[in-house]
């Protein structure tokens, strides 16, 4: 699953350029053009990293940074981007909770390198998987949809995690049985998996009877569509 980056930038040309370069490097990108939209997109998508311009309409980048740290503390990385170049301004940004500070103008390749470095410094890549507002945090055992927490059973959670780790891959019922019942799969019937998936769809699909996330591949199994 791709790492998801939120780009918060009100300059169309800079925002589009960053998006192009990040997608070229294999990141999934969502964008926001002002501080208010940044908070909405952050809540909906729960990104791994935020590229945050400081001079934003409606709500300043500094306020957004503080808000993000109040929401998730150190679970998301933040790279501030600004035309403010003084040492004092950089120090202030870092003390507010930014992991790095990049001054404009900058090279897109340098920004990509800084993103990679920031994620490495955290000792890991993002410990969450997200797609179109659906977010799973394996270590915490949490799942949210558009910012709202969802309660899943152990089996539903394991199924969803396995699906999201293998997007666009058709998984047979036998493979799914081994994922959620590794020690007694011989006693599990296909309809048991079907029942778990039906319940899971009821919690994560807009229309469970017409699923768009977890789809049935007739005669083969199921697929998480990215």
Protein backbone atom coordinates (compact mmCIF):
# COMPACT_ATOMS: atom_id res chain seq x y z
CA UNK A 1 0.00 0.00 0.00
CA UNK A 2 1.31 3.45 -0.90
CA UNK A 3 2.39 5.98 1.72
CA UNK A 4 -0.17 8.79 1.85
CA UNK A 5 1.04 12.41 1.91
CA UNK A 6 -1.10 15.49 2.50
CA UNK A 7 0.18 18.54 0.60
CA UNK A 8 -1.09 21.83 2.03
CA UNK A 9 -0.21 24.68 -0.33
CA UNK A 10 -2.25 27.58 -1.72
CA UNK A 11 0.02 28.21 -4.72
CA UNK A 12 -1.42 26.14 -7.58
CA UNK A 13 1.84 25.74 -9.48
CA UNK A 14 3.88 24.66 -6.44
CA UNK A 15 1.14 22.33 -5.22
CA UNK A 16 0.74 20.63 -8.58
CA UNK A 17 4.50 20.26 -9.00
CA UNK A 18 4.88 18.61 -5.59
CA UNK A 19 1.97 16.29 -6.35
CA UNK A 20 3.48 15.22 -9.68
CA UNK A 21 6.87 14.45 -8.18
CA UNK A 22 5.47 12.55 -5.18
CA UNK A 23 3.16 10.42 -7.30
CA UNK A 24 6.08 9.67 -9.61
CA UNK A 25 7.97 8.37 -6.55
CA UNK A 26 5.07 6.09 -5.59
CA UNK A 27 3.30 8.15 -2.94
CA UNK A 28 -0.45 8.65 -2.77
CA UNK A 29 -1.23 12.36 -2.52
CA UNK A 30 -4.18 14.36 -1.23
CA UNK A 31 -4.18 18.14 -1.35
CA UNK A 32 -5.52 21.12 0.56
CA UNK A 33 -5.42 24.78 -0.47
CA UNK A 34 -5.98 26.44 2.91
CA UNK A 35 -5.68 25.70 6.61
CA UNK A 36 -9.34 24.85 7.08
CA UNK A 37 -9.31 22.31 4.25
CA UNK A 38 -6.04 20.92 5.62
CA UNK A 39 -7.74 19.98 8.89
CA UNK A 40 -10.64 18.38 7.01
CA UNK A 41 -8.34 16.35 4.75
CA UNK A 42 -6.15 15.34 7.66
CA UNK A 43 -9.14 14.06 9.63
CA UNK A 44 -10.53 12.17 6.64
CA UNK A 45 -7.33 10.59 5.30
CA UNK A 46 -4.97 10.34 8.31
CA UNK A 47 -1.80 10.80 6.22
CA UNK A 48 1.66 9.50 7.05
CA UNK A 49 3.27 12.86 6.37
CA UNK A 50 2.13 16.46 5.85
CA UNK A 51 3.91 18.98 3.65
CA UNK A 52 2.71 22.22 5.18
CA UNK A 53 3.04 25.73 3.77
CA UNK A 54 3.02 28.34 6.54
CA UNK A 55 1.35 31.26 4.78
CA UNK A 56 -2.13 29.86 4.21
CA UNK A 57 -5.59 31.41 3.86
CA UNK A 58 -8.16 31.01 6.66
CA UNK A 59 -5.91 29.21 9.17
CA UNK A 60 -2.14 29.66 9.26
CA UNK A 61 0.29 26.79 8.77
CA UNK A 62 1.58 27.30 12.30
CA UNK A 63 -1.93 26.80 13.70
CA UNK A 64 -2.44 23.72 11.56
CA UNK A 65 0.87 22.27 12.79
CA UNK A 66 -0.13 22.79 16.42
CA UNK A 67 -3.54 21.25 15.76
CA UNK A 68 -2.00 18.17 14.11
CA UNK A 69 0.35 17.62 17.03
CA UNK A 70 -2.62 17.88 19.41
CA UNK A 71 -4.45 15.25 17.33
CA UNK A 72 -1.78 12.62 16.83
CA UNK A 73 1.36 13.89 18.55
CA UNK A 74 4.27 12.07 16.92
CA UNK A 75 2.33 9.61 14.78
CA UNK A 76 2.57 11.79 11.68
CA UNK A 77 5.57 13.60 10.23
CA UNK A 78 5.41 17.28 9.24
CA UNK A 79 7.65 19.14 6.82
CA UNK A 80 7.11 22.90 6.84
CA UNK A 81 7.59 24.77 3.56
CA UNK A 82 7.97 28.52 3.67
CA UNK A 83 9.51 31.60 2.07
CA UNK A 84 10.56 32.63 5.59
CA UNK A 85 14.28 31.96 5.62
CA UNK A 86 15.66 33.33 8.89
CA UNK A 87 17.21 30.96 11.43
CA UNK A 88 14.78 32.15 14.11
CA UNK A 89 11.79 31.29 11.93
CA UNK A 90 13.18 27.83 11.20
CA UNK A 91 13.84 27.20 14.89
CA UNK A 92 10.31 28.35 15.75
CA UNK A 93 8.84 25.97 13.19
CA UNK A 94 10.85 23.03 14.49
CA UNK A 95 9.93 23.80 18.08
CA UNK A 96 6.25 23.89 17.11
CA UNK A 97 6.51 20.25 16.08
CA UNK A 98 7.81 20.18 12.50
CA UNK A 99 10.23 17.39 11.64
CA UNK A 100 11.94 19.45 8.94
CA UNK A 101 11.81 22.94 7.45
CA UNK A 102 12.30 23.63 3.73
CA UNK A 103 12.66 27.16 2.36
CA UNK A 104 11.27 28.34 -0.96
CA UNK A 105 12.34 28.08 -3.71
CA UNK A 106 13.32 24.43 -3.43
CA UNK A 107 14.08 21.50 -5.68
CA UNK A 108 11.29 18.89 -5.86
CA UNK A 109 13.96 16.18 -5.78
CA UNK A 110 15.35 17.65 -2.57
CA UNK A 111 11.87 17.64 -1.05
CA UNK A 112 11.41 13.96 -1.94
CA UNK A 113 14.79 13.18 -0.35
CA UNK A 114 13.80 15.06 2.79
CA UNK A 115 10.52 13.13 2.99
CA UNK A 116 12.42 9.84 2.82
CA UNK A 117 14.87 11.04 5.48
CA UNK A 118 12.11 12.20 7.84
CA UNK A 119 10.30 8.88 7.59
CA UNK A 120 13.54 6.97 8.14
CA UNK A 121 14.40 9.05 11.20
CA UNK A 122 11.18 7.86 12.74
CA UNK A 123 12.67 4.35 12.62
CA UNK A 124 9.87 3.10 10.39
CA UNK A 125 7.62 3.92 7.54
CA UNK A 126 4.12 4.93 8.41
CA UNK A 127 2.47 2.52 10.83
CA UNK A 128 -0.93 2.97 9.24
CA UNK A 129 -2.54 2.00 5.97
CA UNK A 130 -5.10 4.29 4.39
CA UNK A 131 -7.21 4.52 1.27
CA UNK A 132 -10.02 6.95 0.47
CA UNK A 133 -10.78 7.79 4.08
CA UNK A 134 -10.44 4.22 5.39
CA UNK A 135 -7.51 4.01 7.84
CA UNK A 136 -6.16 1.02 9.74
CA UNK A 137 -3.48 1.29 12.45
CA UNK A 138 -2.18 -2.25 12.96
CA UNK A 139 -0.17 -1.60 16.13
CA UNK A 140 -3.04 0.16 17.85
CA UNK A 141 -5.74 -2.12 16.52
CA UNK A 142 -7.74 0.88 15.34
CA UNK A 143 -9.82 1.46 12.23
CA UNK A 144 -11.50 4.70 11.17
CA UNK A 145 -13.61 5.78 8.22
CA UNK A 146 -13.66 9.46 7.30
CA UNK A 147 -12.36 10.31 10.75
CA UNK A 148 -14.91 8.21 12.65
CA UNK A 149 -13.72 5.19 14.65
CA UNK A 150 -15.13 1.80 13.62
CA UNK A 151 -15.46 -1.17 15.95
CA UNK A 152 -14.35 -4.44 14.36
CA UNK A 153 -14.10 -7.96 15.72
CA UNK A 154 -10.68 -9.61 15.78
CA UNK A 155 -11.49 -11.59 12.64
CA UNK A 156 -12.86 -8.54 10.79
CA UNK A 157 -9.76 -6.54 11.72
CA UNK A 158 -7.39 -9.27 10.54
CA UNK A 159 -9.30 -9.63 7.29
CA UNK A 160 -9.26 -5.90 6.60
CA UNK A 161 -5.55 -5.63 7.43
CA UNK A 162 -4.74 -8.50 5.08
CA UNK A 163 -6.86 -6.97 2.32
CA UNK A 164 -5.30 -3.51 2.69
CA UNK A 165 -1.80 -4.96 2.74
CA UNK A 166 -2.57 -6.65 -0.58
CA UNK A 167 -4.53 -4.13 -2.65
CA UNK A 168 -5.89 -5.26 -6.02
CA UNK A 169 -4.82 -8.85 -5.32
CA UNK A 170 -7.46 -11.57 -5.62
CA UNK A 171 -7.42 -13.59 -2.39
CA UNK A 172 -9.04 -17.01 -2.27
CA UNK A 173 -11.18 -18.13 0.64
CA UNK A 174 -8.44 -20.62 1.56
CA UNK A 175 -5.89 -17.82 1.82
CA UNK A 176 -8.23 -15.76 3.95
CA UNK A 177 -8.95 -18.71 6.24
CA UNK A 178 -5.22 -19.09 6.90
CA UNK A 179 -5.04 -15.40 7.74
CA UNK A 180 -7.74 -15.35 10.40
CA UNK A 181 -7.73 -19.00 11.56
CA UNK A 182 -4.08 -20.06 11.11
CA UNK A 183 -4.30 -23.09 13.43
CA UNK A 184 -7.62 -24.67 12.55
CA UNK A 185 -8.33 -23.76 8.93
CA UNK A 186 -9.42 -27.29 8.09
CA UNK A 187 -12.49 -26.83 10.27
CA UNK A 188 -13.54 -23.50 8.76
CA UNK A 189 -16.15 -23.46 6.02
CA UNK A 190 -16.18 -21.07 3.08
CA UNK A 191 -19.43 -19.60 4.31
CA UNK A 192 -17.69 -18.57 7.56
CA UNK A 193 -15.37 -16.31 5.58
CA UNK A 194 -18.36 -15.03 3.59
CA UNK A 195 -20.14 -14.17 6.84
CA UNK A 196 -17.12 -12.24 8.19
CA UNK A 197 -16.82 -10.31 4.94
CA UNK A 198 -20.52 -9.53 4.89
CA UNK A 199 -20.24 -8.01 8.38
CA UNK A 200 -17.08 -6.13 7.41
CA UNK A 201 -18.76 -4.67 4.34
CA UNK A 202 -21.63 -3.44 6.50
CA UNK A 203 -19.11 -1.36 8.46
CA UNK A 204 -16.87 0.03 5.70
CA UNK A 205 -18.99 0.18 2.53
CA UNK A 206 -21.39 2.99 1.62
CA UNK A 207 -23.65 0.39 0.02
CA UNK A 208 -22.81 -3.05 1.45
CA UNK A 209 -24.89 -4.82 -1.20
CA UNK A 210 -22.95 -2.98 -3.92
CA UNK A 211 -19.44 -3.00 -2.45
CA UNK A 212 -16.69 -0.90 -3.99
CA UNK A 213 -13.87 -1.63 -1.55
CA UNK A 214 -14.06 -5.39 -1.04
CA UNK A 215 -15.45 -6.94 -4.20
CA UNK A 216 -16.27 -10.54 -5.03
CA UNK A 217 -14.36 -12.14 -7.89
CA UNK A 218 -16.64 -14.93 -8.97
CA UNK A 219 -15.08 -18.37 -8.72
CA UNK A 220 -11.84 -16.99 -7.27
CA UNK A 221 -12.38 -15.08 -4.02
CA UNK A 222 -12.27 -11.45 -2.92
CA UNK A 223 -10.29 -8.34 -3.81
CA UNK A 224 -9.64 -5.03 -2.04
CA UNK A 225 -9.90 -2.41 -4.78
CA UNK A 226 -7.54 0.52 -4.62
